[in-house]
Amino acid sequence: TWERLCQVAVKGAEYDSPERQPHPRCLEGTRVTFLDDIYQSLDNPERSQLIWLHGMAGVGKSAVAFSVAERMRGLKVTEQTKTETRLAGTFFFSRKKPNRSTTGYFFATLAYQLACNFPSVREDLNRAIHDNPALLDPNKSLRDQMEGLFLRPLRGLQFRLRNCLPSTFVIDALDECVSKPELTDLISLLDQALREPNLPVIHILLTSRSETHICNVIQKTEVRSLASKIPAGISGEGMDKDIHRFLEHSFIELESHPGFPQPTTDELAQLASRAGRRFIVAFTMMKFIEHGYQDPRDRLQVMLRFTSELLPGKEVYELYNRILATCANPVRAYLHLSVVAALADPLPIRQISELLGPGEGKDVEKTLVQLRSVIDIPTDSSLPVNIYHSSVRDYVSDPSNCNLIEVQRIKHSHSILACSSFRLMMREI
């Protein structure tokens, strides 16, 4: 039974999983006040809480989630224990990974991590799974999974944790769950779980975009009384300073690269001010300058010209437009970028080329290397390529987000993939 739980638990959903590299994290010295407020909430021993960190794409919610998980992992439950930490479990959703895009293995994954951290609950889990093996079936009701795999082991920790600071679960990117009904049920169930009278005090940090279905369930009267909402906003001088610090640190780290430029104080301030208080914009700026076959000094100047023209509030999509414009064939670059973003399971470049065929698959590698600022291309060509951030998927999901007129006539990426897959199947018959 424990062996079976080990098999079904989604290791890639853990905050520090290699599957999620490079791990987003808050740079030391940034988001200090913001993180301190969260840590203060997580130290509250009075009652269990749902803490909802919400905000638009690219403001650094996943980096905050990672940093919180890392801190909780470093804090022992008591001074005497050597292994048990205050991080009870994590689940980082991602629609790019089938087993992380639904709630099917959510409670099994948290149960596995909980038992790794608190070995004493393994017997409770063994009995629960022995009594009802279907608990490990992803199609089993969430309520039953929560009772057997979540509440049952937590009840066994009530006495153990009675005089300890609360344990924490970190759940990132709720909006990456592809089923809205599943997700709203999950949030409601987590709220109900925290109301159980025989549990230790625990806190659950949730992060997501401020999407309507999530806002609605959080606003329900019964959930609202336990929920603490923290906006990951883009206002405030502190955010400006953090973006500036991130860019400054990034340039210093690259100082050792031969010929890599160091911007003047005014240029650095210009880049920081035009990032729109979004870390994803600053990150993409650095990737654009750092990667590519052109002289990085020229790319810095290109980026400075871009940033002087970015429209406030539209920085992300405008930046993606400008990066596409630097490609040899911007329309083909958009097409290949949209395919990479649409793939349910990421593929290596060679397989993308084979899938698209001799027409649309032409020059895939040559095109994608020009998009290294928005696509992660491993040095090992047998590994899959993937977008750095979900805002890229948002950008290519609607052609009207792109200012290239020719893009409006391109078939939707899902249609392209469907036709390409059908062509390959017919070839094999």
Protein backbone atom coordinates (compact mmCIF):
# COMPACT_ATOMS: atom_id res chain seq x y z
CA THR A 1 0.00 0.00 0.00
CA TRP A 2 2.79 2.45 0.87
CA GLU A 3 4.60 1.26 -2.24
CA ARG A 4 1.48 1.89 -4.31
CA LEU A 5 1.13 5.41 -2.85
CA CYS A 6 4.78 6.08 -3.74
CA GLN A 7 4.04 5.08 -7.31
CA VAL A 8 0.98 7.28 -7.87
CA ALA A 9 2.24 10.38 -6.03
CA VAL A 10 3.19 13.07 -8.56
CA LYS A 11 6.84 13.81 -7.84
CA GLY A 12 6.87 16.61 -10.42
CA ALA A 13 4.33 18.53 -8.33
CA GLU A 14 6.79 18.95 -5.46
CA TYR A 15 8.12 22.48 -5.20
CA ASP A 16 11.75 21.48 -5.75
CA SER A 17 11.17 18.82 -8.41
CA PRO A 18 13.76 18.67 -11.21
CA GLU A 19 10.77 18.69 -13.58
CA ARG A 20 10.17 22.33 -12.65
CA GLN A 21 13.70 23.64 -13.21
CA PRO A 22 14.76 26.35 -13.41
CA HIS A 23 12.98 26.97 -10.11
CA PRO A 24 11.56 30.46 -9.77
CA ARG A 25 12.51 31.98 -6.44
CA CYS A 26 12.64 35.41 -4.88
CA LEU A 27 16.07 36.97 -5.14
CA GLU A 28 17.57 37.60 -1.72
CA GLY A 29 16.68 41.09 -0.59
CA THR A 30 13.51 41.32 -2.73
CA ARG A 31 9.86 41.01 -1.63
CA VAL A 32 11.12 41.25 1.95
CA THR A 33 8.10 42.98 3.54
CA PHE A 34 5.71 40.95 1.41
CA LEU A 35 7.28 37.63 2.48
CA ASP A 36 7.47 38.72 6.12
CA ASP A 37 3.71 39.33 6.10
CA ILE A 38 3.14 35.81 4.75
CA TYR A 39 5.53 34.24 7.28
CA GLN A 40 3.75 36.08 10.08
CA SER A 41 0.44 34.59 8.95
CA LEU A 42 1.97 31.12 8.75
CA ASP A 43 3.25 31.45 12.33
CA ASN A 44 -0.24 32.16 13.69
CA PRO A 45 -1.03 29.27 16.09
CA GLU A 46 -4.59 30.33 16.89
CA ARG A 47 -6.54 28.75 14.02
CA SER A 48 -6.04 27.14 10.62
CA GLN A 49 -6.18 29.41 7.57
CA LEU A 50 -6.45 29.36 3.79
CA ILE A 51 -4.06 32.08 2.60
CA TRP A 52 -4.78 33.08 -0.99
CA LEU A 53 -2.04 34.93 -2.86
CA HIS A 54 -3.53 36.25 -6.10
CA GLY A 55 -2.57 38.55 -8.94
CA MET A 56 -2.03 38.90 -12.68
CA ALA A 57 0.43 36.83 -14.71
CA GLY A 58 4.10 37.60 -14.29
CA VAL A 59 4.14 39.32 -10.90
CA GLY A 60 6.10 36.50 -9.25
CA LYS A 61 3.47 34.37 -7.47
CA SER A 62 5.27 31.08 -8.18
CA ALA A 63 8.57 32.56 -7.00
CA VAL A 64 6.90 33.55 -3.74
CA ALA A 65 5.36 30.06 -3.41
CA PHE A 66 8.78 28.46 -3.95
CA SER A 67 10.47 30.77 -1.46
CA VAL A 68 7.79 30.12 1.18
CA ALA A 69 8.07 26.36 0.66
CA GLU A 70 11.86 26.57 0.90
CA ARG A 71 11.67 28.50 4.15
CA MET A 72 9.12 26.12 5.71
CA ARG A 73 11.28 23.18 4.65
CA GLY A 74 14.16 24.72 6.58
CA LEU A 75 12.18 25.12 9.81
CA LYS A 76 11.99 22.12 12.13
CA VAL A 77 8.73 21.31 13.90
CA THR A 78 10.59 21.28 17.22
CA GLU A 79 14.18 21.94 18.24
CA GLN A 80 14.57 18.28 19.15
CA THR A 81 13.54 16.75 15.81
CA LYS A 82 16.11 16.11 13.11
CA THR A 83 13.84 15.45 10.16
CA GLU A 84 10.27 16.71 10.66
CA THR A 85 9.84 20.16 9.13
CA ARG A 86 6.99 22.66 8.97
CA LEU A 87 6.51 22.01 5.25
CA ALA A 88 3.77 19.39 5.22
CA GLY A 89 3.45 19.17 1.42
CA THR A 90 3.33 21.04 -1.89
CA PHE A 91 1.47 20.73 -5.16
CA PHE A 92 2.45 22.98 -8.08
CA PHE A 93 -0.20 22.73 -10.79
CA SER A 94 0.75 22.92 -14.48
CA ARG A 95 -1.50 22.40 -17.48
CA LYS A 96 1.57 21.33 -19.47
CA LYS A 97 1.78 18.14 -17.39
CA PRO A 98 -1.31 15.86 -17.45
CA ASN A 99 -0.87 14.57 -13.89
CA ARG A 100 -0.39 18.12 -12.60
CA SER A 101 -3.26 19.68 -14.53
CA THR A 102 -6.08 17.92 -12.63
CA THR A 103 -6.95 17.13 -9.04
CA GLY A 104 -6.89 13.35 -9.59
CA TYR A 105 -3.64 12.74 -7.70
CA PHE A 106 -3.72 15.88 -5.54
CA PHE A 107 -4.47 14.25 -2.19
CA ALA A 108 -2.35 11.17 -2.93
CA THR A 109 0.61 13.45 -3.63
CA LEU A 110 0.13 15.47 -0.43
CA ALA A 111 -0.35 12.26 1.57
CA TYR A 112 2.93 10.86 0.26
CA GLN A 113 4.84 14.03 1.18
CA LEU A 114 3.12 14.26 4.57
CA ALA A 115 4.16 10.68 5.39
CA CYS A 116 7.72 11.33 4.23
CA ASN A 117 7.90 14.27 6.62
CA PHE A 118 5.99 12.54 9.45
CA PRO A 119 6.71 8.79 9.19
CA SER A 120 4.35 8.11 12.10
CA VAL A 121 1.30 8.60 9.83
CA ARG A 122 2.28 5.89 7.35
CA GLU A 123 0.35 3.26 9.30
CA ASP A 124 -2.81 5.41 9.13
CA LEU A 125 -2.36 5.73 5.40
CA ASN A 126 -1.67 2.03 4.98
CA ARG A 127 -4.91 1.18 6.77
CA ALA A 128 -6.90 3.73 4.75
CA ILE A 129 -5.59 2.39 1.44
CA HIS A 130 -6.00 -1.22 2.56
CA ASP A 131 -9.64 -0.54 3.53
CA ASN A 132 -10.32 1.29 0.27
CA PRO A 133 -7.71 0.74 -2.49
CA ALA A 134 -9.79 2.90 -4.85
CA LEU A 135 -8.58 5.98 -2.96
CA LEU A 136 -5.56 5.95 -5.26
CA ASP A 137 -7.76 5.96 -8.38
CA PRO A 138 -7.71 9.49 -9.88
CA ASN A 139 -11.42 9.11 -10.69
CA LYS A 140 -12.39 8.48 -7.06
CA SER A 141 -14.40 11.30 -5.49
CA LEU A 142 -12.28 14.11 -4.10
CA ARG A 143 -14.22 14.03 -0.84
CA ASP A 144 -13.37 10.36 -0.27
CA GLN A 145 -9.72 10.97 -1.16
CA MET A 146 -9.57 13.90 1.24
CA GLU A 147 -11.06 11.85 4.09
CA GLY A 148 -8.79 8.83 3.65
CA LEU A 149 -5.54 10.39 2.42
CA PHE A 150 -5.57 13.83 4.05
CA LEU A 151 -7.79 14.08 7.11
CA ARG A 152 -7.06 10.62 8.49
CA PRO A 153 -3.28 11.05 8.72
CA LEU A 154 -3.62 14.65 9.93
CA ARG A 155 -5.84 13.54 12.81
CA GLY A 156 -3.00 11.25 13.85
CA LEU A 157 -0.76 14.32 14.20
CA GLN A 158 -3.04 16.34 16.48
CA PHE A 159 -1.29 15.24 19.68
CA ARG A 160 2.19 15.25 18.10
CA LEU A 161 1.90 18.88 16.93
CA ARG A 162 -0.16 20.35 19.79
CA ASN A 163 2.57 22.70 21.06
CA CYS A 164 4.29 23.35 17.72
CA LEU A 165 4.04 26.20 15.27
CA PRO A 166 1.64 25.30 12.44
CA SER A 167 2.62 23.11 9.52
CA THR A 168 2.09 24.49 6.01
CA PHE A 169 0.89 23.17 2.67
CA VAL A 170 1.81 25.24 -0.42
CA ILE A 171 -0.44 24.91 -3.49
CA ASP A 172 0.71 26.93 -6.50
CA ALA A 173 -1.00 28.00 -9.74
CA LEU A 174 -4.58 26.88 -9.09
CA ASP A 175 -5.53 28.46 -12.41
CA GLU A 176 -3.39 25.86 -14.19
CA CYS A 177 -5.94 23.18 -13.25
CA VAL A 178 -7.81 22.55 -16.50
CA SER A 179 -11.17 21.68 -14.90
CA LYS A 180 -12.89 24.63 -13.24
CA PRO A 181 -15.52 22.47 -11.47
CA GLU A 182 -12.78 20.20 -10.08
CA LEU A 183 -10.85 23.18 -8.79
CA THR A 184 -13.78 24.91 -7.15
CA ASP A 185 -14.68 21.62 -5.43
CA LEU A 186 -11.09 21.29 -4.24
CA ILE A 187 -11.01 24.78 -2.70
CA SER A 188 -14.33 24.17 -0.93
CA LEU A 189 -13.09 20.83 0.39
CA LEU A 190 -9.85 22.33 1.68
CA ASP A 191 -11.90 24.93 3.51
CA GLN A 192 -14.04 22.18 5.05
CA ALA A 193 -10.92 20.24 6.03
CA LEU A 194 -9.54 23.17 8.00
CA ARG A 195 -12.78 23.31 10.01
CA GLU A 196 -12.34 19.76 11.28
CA PRO A 197 -12.19 19.86 15.10
CA ASN A 198 -9.64 17.06 15.57
CA LEU A 199 -6.82 18.38 13.40
CA PRO A 200 -3.67 20.23 14.40
CA VAL A 201 -3.55 23.88 13.35
CA ILE A 202 -2.33 23.94 9.72
CA HIS A 203 -2.16 26.63 7.09
CA ILE A 204 -2.62 26.23 3.34
CA LEU A 205 -1.04 28.82 1.03
CA LEU A 206 -2.81 28.99 -2.33
CA THR A 207 -1.59 31.02 -5.32
CA SER A 208 -3.41 31.81 -8.54
CA ARG A 209 -4.42 34.47 -10.96
CA SER A 210 -7.55 36.38 -9.96
CA GLU A 211 -9.81 34.34 -12.23
CA THR A 212 -13.58 34.55 -11.83
CA HIS A 213 -14.29 30.95 -10.81
CA ILE A 214 -11.58 31.09 -8.14
CA CYS A 215 -12.68 34.49 -6.83
CA ASN A 216 -16.29 33.27 -6.62
CA VAL A 217 -15.52 30.24 -4.47
CA ILE A 218 -13.17 32.22 -2.20
CA GLN A 219 -15.91 34.84 -1.74
CA LYS A 220 -18.45 32.29 -0.53
CA THR A 221 -19.48 33.07 3.03
CA GLU A 222 -18.31 29.77 4.48
CA VAL A 223 -14.89 29.99 2.76
CA ARG A 224 -14.39 33.71 3.31
CA SER A 225 -14.39 33.35 7.10
CA LEU A 226 -11.23 31.20 6.98
CA ALA A 227 -9.57 32.76 3.94
CA SER A 228 -6.92 35.44 4.13
CA LYS A 229 -6.46 37.23 0.79
CA ILE A 230 -3.10 38.70 -0.16
CA PRO A 231 -2.91 40.55 -3.49
CA ALA A 232 0.39 40.07 -5.31
CA GLY A 233 -0.10 43.54 -6.69
CA ILE A 234 2.01 45.58 -9.05
CA SER A 235 1.74 48.82 -7.10
CA GLY A 236 4.20 50.37 -4.74
CA GLU A 237 7.76 51.62 -4.78
CA GLY A 238 8.93 48.39 -3.15
CA MET A 239 8.08 46.48 -6.32
CA ASP A 240 10.02 49.00 -8.44
CA LYS A 241 13.07 48.56 -6.22
CA ASP A 242 12.78 44.76 -6.38
CA ILE A 243 12.64 44.80 -10.19
CA HIS A 244 15.65 47.14 -10.27
CA ARG A 245 17.53 44.86 -7.87
CA PHE A 246 16.70 41.80 -9.96
CA LEU A 247 18.00 43.41 -13.16
CA GLU A 248 21.11 44.72 -11.42
CA HIS A 249 21.85 41.27 -9.98
CA SER A 250 21.26 39.61 -13.37
CA PHE A 251 23.74 41.89 -15.13
CA ILE A 252 26.35 41.38 -12.39
CA GLU A 253 26.00 37.59 -12.70
CA LEU A 254 26.67 37.84 -16.44
CA GLU A 255 29.62 40.20 -15.99
CA SER A 256 32.07 37.31 -16.38
CA HIS A 257 30.83 36.54 -19.90
CA PRO A 258 33.29 37.94 -22.46
CA GLY A 259 31.99 41.12 -24.00
CA PHE A 260 28.82 41.16 -21.96
CA PRO A 261 27.62 44.76 -21.51
CA GLN A 262 26.96 46.50 -18.24
CA PRO A 263 24.25 49.14 -18.59
CA THR A 264 24.70 52.64 -17.28
CA THR A 265 22.73 53.72 -14.21
CA ASP A 266 20.21 55.52 -16.43
CA GLU A 267 19.84 52.53 -18.77
CA LEU A 268 19.24 50.17 -15.87
CA ALA A 269 16.62 52.54 -14.47
CA GLN A 270 14.95 52.68 -17.89
CA LEU A 271 14.76 48.89 -18.14
CA ALA A 272 13.39 48.64 -14.61
CA SER A 273 10.77 51.34 -15.09
CA ARG A 274 9.44 49.78 -18.29
CA ALA A 275 9.07 46.31 -16.80
CA GLY A 276 5.66 47.40 -15.55
CA ARG A 277 6.40 45.93 -12.13
CA ARG A 278 6.22 42.46 -13.63
CA PHE A 279 9.09 40.10 -12.98
CA ILE A 280 8.33 38.12 -16.14
CA VAL A 281 9.03 41.22 -18.25
CA ALA A 282 12.37 41.82 -16.49
CA PHE A 283 13.22 38.11 -16.81
CA THR A 284 12.42 38.11 -20.54
CA MET A 285 14.47 41.26 -21.08
CA MET A 286 17.50 39.53 -19.57
CA LYS A 287 16.96 36.35 -21.56
CA PHE A 288 16.75 38.40 -24.76
CA ILE A 289 20.00 40.23 -24.01
CA GLU A 290 21.79 37.12 -22.77
CA HIS A 291 20.87 34.66 -25.52
CA GLY A 292 21.29 34.77 -29.23
CA TYR A 293 24.08 34.83 -31.72
CA GLN A 294 24.23 38.60 -31.94
CA ASP A 295 26.51 40.80 -29.88
CA PRO A 296 24.84 41.24 -26.46
CA ARG A 297 25.73 44.93 -26.56
CA ASP A 298 23.61 45.30 -29.68
CA ARG A 299 20.79 43.33 -28.05
CA LEU A 300 20.92 45.60 -25.01
CA GLN A 301 20.46 48.61 -27.28
CA VAL A 302 17.60 46.86 -29.06
CA MET A 303 15.94 46.18 -25.71
CA LEU A 304 16.42 49.80 -24.62
CA ARG A 305 14.67 50.93 -27.80
CA PHE A 306 11.87 48.46 -27.11
CA THR A 307 11.37 49.60 -23.55
CA SER A 308 11.03 53.22 -24.55
CA GLU A 309 7.99 52.23 -26.63
CA LEU A 310 6.26 49.71 -24.35
CA LEU A 311 2.76 50.77 -23.35
CA PRO A 312 2.00 50.81 -19.60
CA GLY A 313 -0.25 47.88 -18.70
CA LYS A 314 0.57 46.01 -21.91
CA GLU A 315 4.25 45.39 -21.32
CA VAL A 316 4.17 41.59 -21.58
CA TYR A 317 2.42 41.22 -24.94
CA GLU A 318 4.17 44.27 -26.37
CA LEU A 319 7.52 42.77 -25.44
CA TYR A 320 6.61 39.47 -27.09
CA ASN A 321 5.57 41.40 -30.22
CA ARG A 322 8.95 43.14 -30.34
CA ILE A 323 10.87 39.90 -29.80
CA LEU A 324 8.98 38.26 -32.68
CA ALA A 325 9.87 41.26 -34.84
CA THR A 326 13.59 40.49 -34.41
CA CYS A 327 13.16 37.01 -35.94
CA ALA A 328 14.11 36.38 -39.56
CA ASN A 329 10.54 35.24 -40.28
CA PRO A 330 8.22 36.64 -37.58
CA VAL A 331 5.11 34.86 -38.87
CA ARG A 332 6.82 31.47 -38.89
CA ALA A 333 8.23 32.26 -35.44
CA TYR A 334 4.71 32.95 -34.16
CA LEU A 335 3.45 29.70 -35.67
CA HIS A 336 6.20 27.59 -34.09
CA LEU A 337 5.88 29.41 -30.77
CA SER A 338 2.12 28.77 -30.71
CA VAL A 339 2.70 25.06 -31.39
CA VAL A 340 5.24 24.75 -28.55
CA ALA A 341 2.81 26.51 -26.19
CA ALA A 342 -0.13 24.32 -27.24
CA LEU A 343 1.54 20.91 -26.85
CA ALA A 344 0.04 18.99 -23.93
CA ASP A 345 3.32 17.10 -23.61
CA PRO A 346 6.43 19.08 -24.65
CA LEU A 347 8.52 17.57 -27.44
CA PRO A 348 12.13 17.91 -28.62
CA ILE A 349 12.71 20.15 -31.63
CA ARG A 350 13.28 17.22 -34.00
CA GLN A 351 9.95 15.65 -33.09
CA ILE A 352 8.13 18.98 -33.48
CA SER A 353 9.60 19.27 -36.97
CA GLU A 354 8.51 15.71 -37.84
CA LEU A 355 5.04 16.32 -36.43
CA LEU A 356 4.47 19.50 -38.45
CA GLY A 357 5.80 18.00 -41.67
CA PRO A 358 7.79 19.46 -44.56
CA GLY A 359 5.70 22.63 -44.88
CA GLU A 360 4.90 24.07 -41.47
CA GLY A 361 7.79 22.11 -39.92
CA LYS A 362 10.40 23.87 -42.04
CA ASP A 363 13.29 25.48 -40.14
CA VAL A 364 11.85 24.70 -36.70
CA GLU A 365 15.24 24.66 -35.00
CA LYS A 366 16.48 27.77 -36.80
CA THR A 367 13.30 29.59 -35.80
CA LEU A 368 13.07 28.50 -32.18
CA VAL A 369 16.67 29.40 -31.32
CA GLN A 370 15.72 32.98 -32.17
CA LEU A 371 13.08 32.74 -29.42
CA ARG A 372 15.38 31.66 -26.59
CA SER A 373 14.18 34.58 -24.50
CA VAL A 374 10.71 33.02 -24.21
CA ILE A 375 11.47 29.30 -24.80
CA ASP A 376 13.70 27.02 -22.77
CA ILE A 377 15.83 25.04 -25.24
CA PRO A 378 17.99 22.41 -23.48
CA THR A 379 21.54 21.89 -24.70
CA ASP A 380 20.66 18.19 -25.03
CA SER A 381 18.66 18.08 -28.27
CA SER A 382 16.84 14.92 -27.16
CA LEU A 383 15.08 16.85 -24.38
CA PRO A 384 11.81 18.74 -24.93
CA VAL A 385 11.55 22.49 -25.42
CA ASN A 386 9.05 24.44 -23.38
CA ILE A 387 7.82 27.98 -22.79
CA TYR A 388 9.28 29.80 -19.78
CA HIS A 389 6.01 31.30 -18.59
CA SER A 390 2.27 30.74 -18.98
CA SER A 391 1.86 34.32 -20.27
CA VAL A 392 3.40 33.08 -23.55
CA ARG A 393 0.56 30.59 -23.88
CA ASP A 394 -1.94 33.38 -23.18
CA TYR A 395 -0.27 35.55 -25.81
CA VAL A 396 -0.48 33.00 -28.64
CA SER A 397 -3.94 31.69 -27.66
CA ASP A 398 -5.57 34.72 -29.29
CA PRO A 399 -4.09 36.12 -32.55
CA SER A 400 -5.43 39.57 -31.66
CA ASN A 401 -2.75 39.79 -28.95
CA CYS A 402 -0.12 39.94 -31.70
CA ASN A 403 0.34 43.04 -33.85
CA LEU A 404 1.42 41.07 -36.94
CA ILE A 405 -1.42 41.30 -39.44
CA GLU A 406 -0.34 38.08 -41.18
CA VAL A 407 -0.83 36.13 -37.95
CA GLN A 408 -4.59 36.60 -38.19
CA ARG A 409 -4.63 34.23 -41.18
CA ILE A 410 -2.67 31.43 -39.48
CA LYS A 411 -4.64 28.35 -38.46
CA HIS A 412 -5.07 27.89 -34.72
CA SER A 413 -2.27 25.85 -33.20
CA HIS A 414 -4.66 23.13 -32.01
CA SER A 415 -5.98 22.74 -35.57
CA ILE A 416 -2.43 22.53 -36.88
CA LEU A 417 -1.56 19.85 -34.32
CA ALA A 418 -4.75 17.88 -35.03
CA CYS A 419 -4.12 17.89 -38.79
CA SER A 420 -0.45 17.00 -38.32
CA SER A 421 -1.28 14.12 -35.98
CA PHE A 422 -3.91 12.79 -38.40
CA ARG A 423 -1.41 12.98 -41.27
CA LEU A 424 1.14 10.99 -39.28
CA MET A 425 -1.46 8.36 -38.35
CA MET A 426 -2.52 7.98 -41.98
CA ARG A 427 1.12 7.56 -43.01
CA GLU A 428 1.51 4.69 -40.55
CA ILE A 429 -1.58 2.81 -41.83
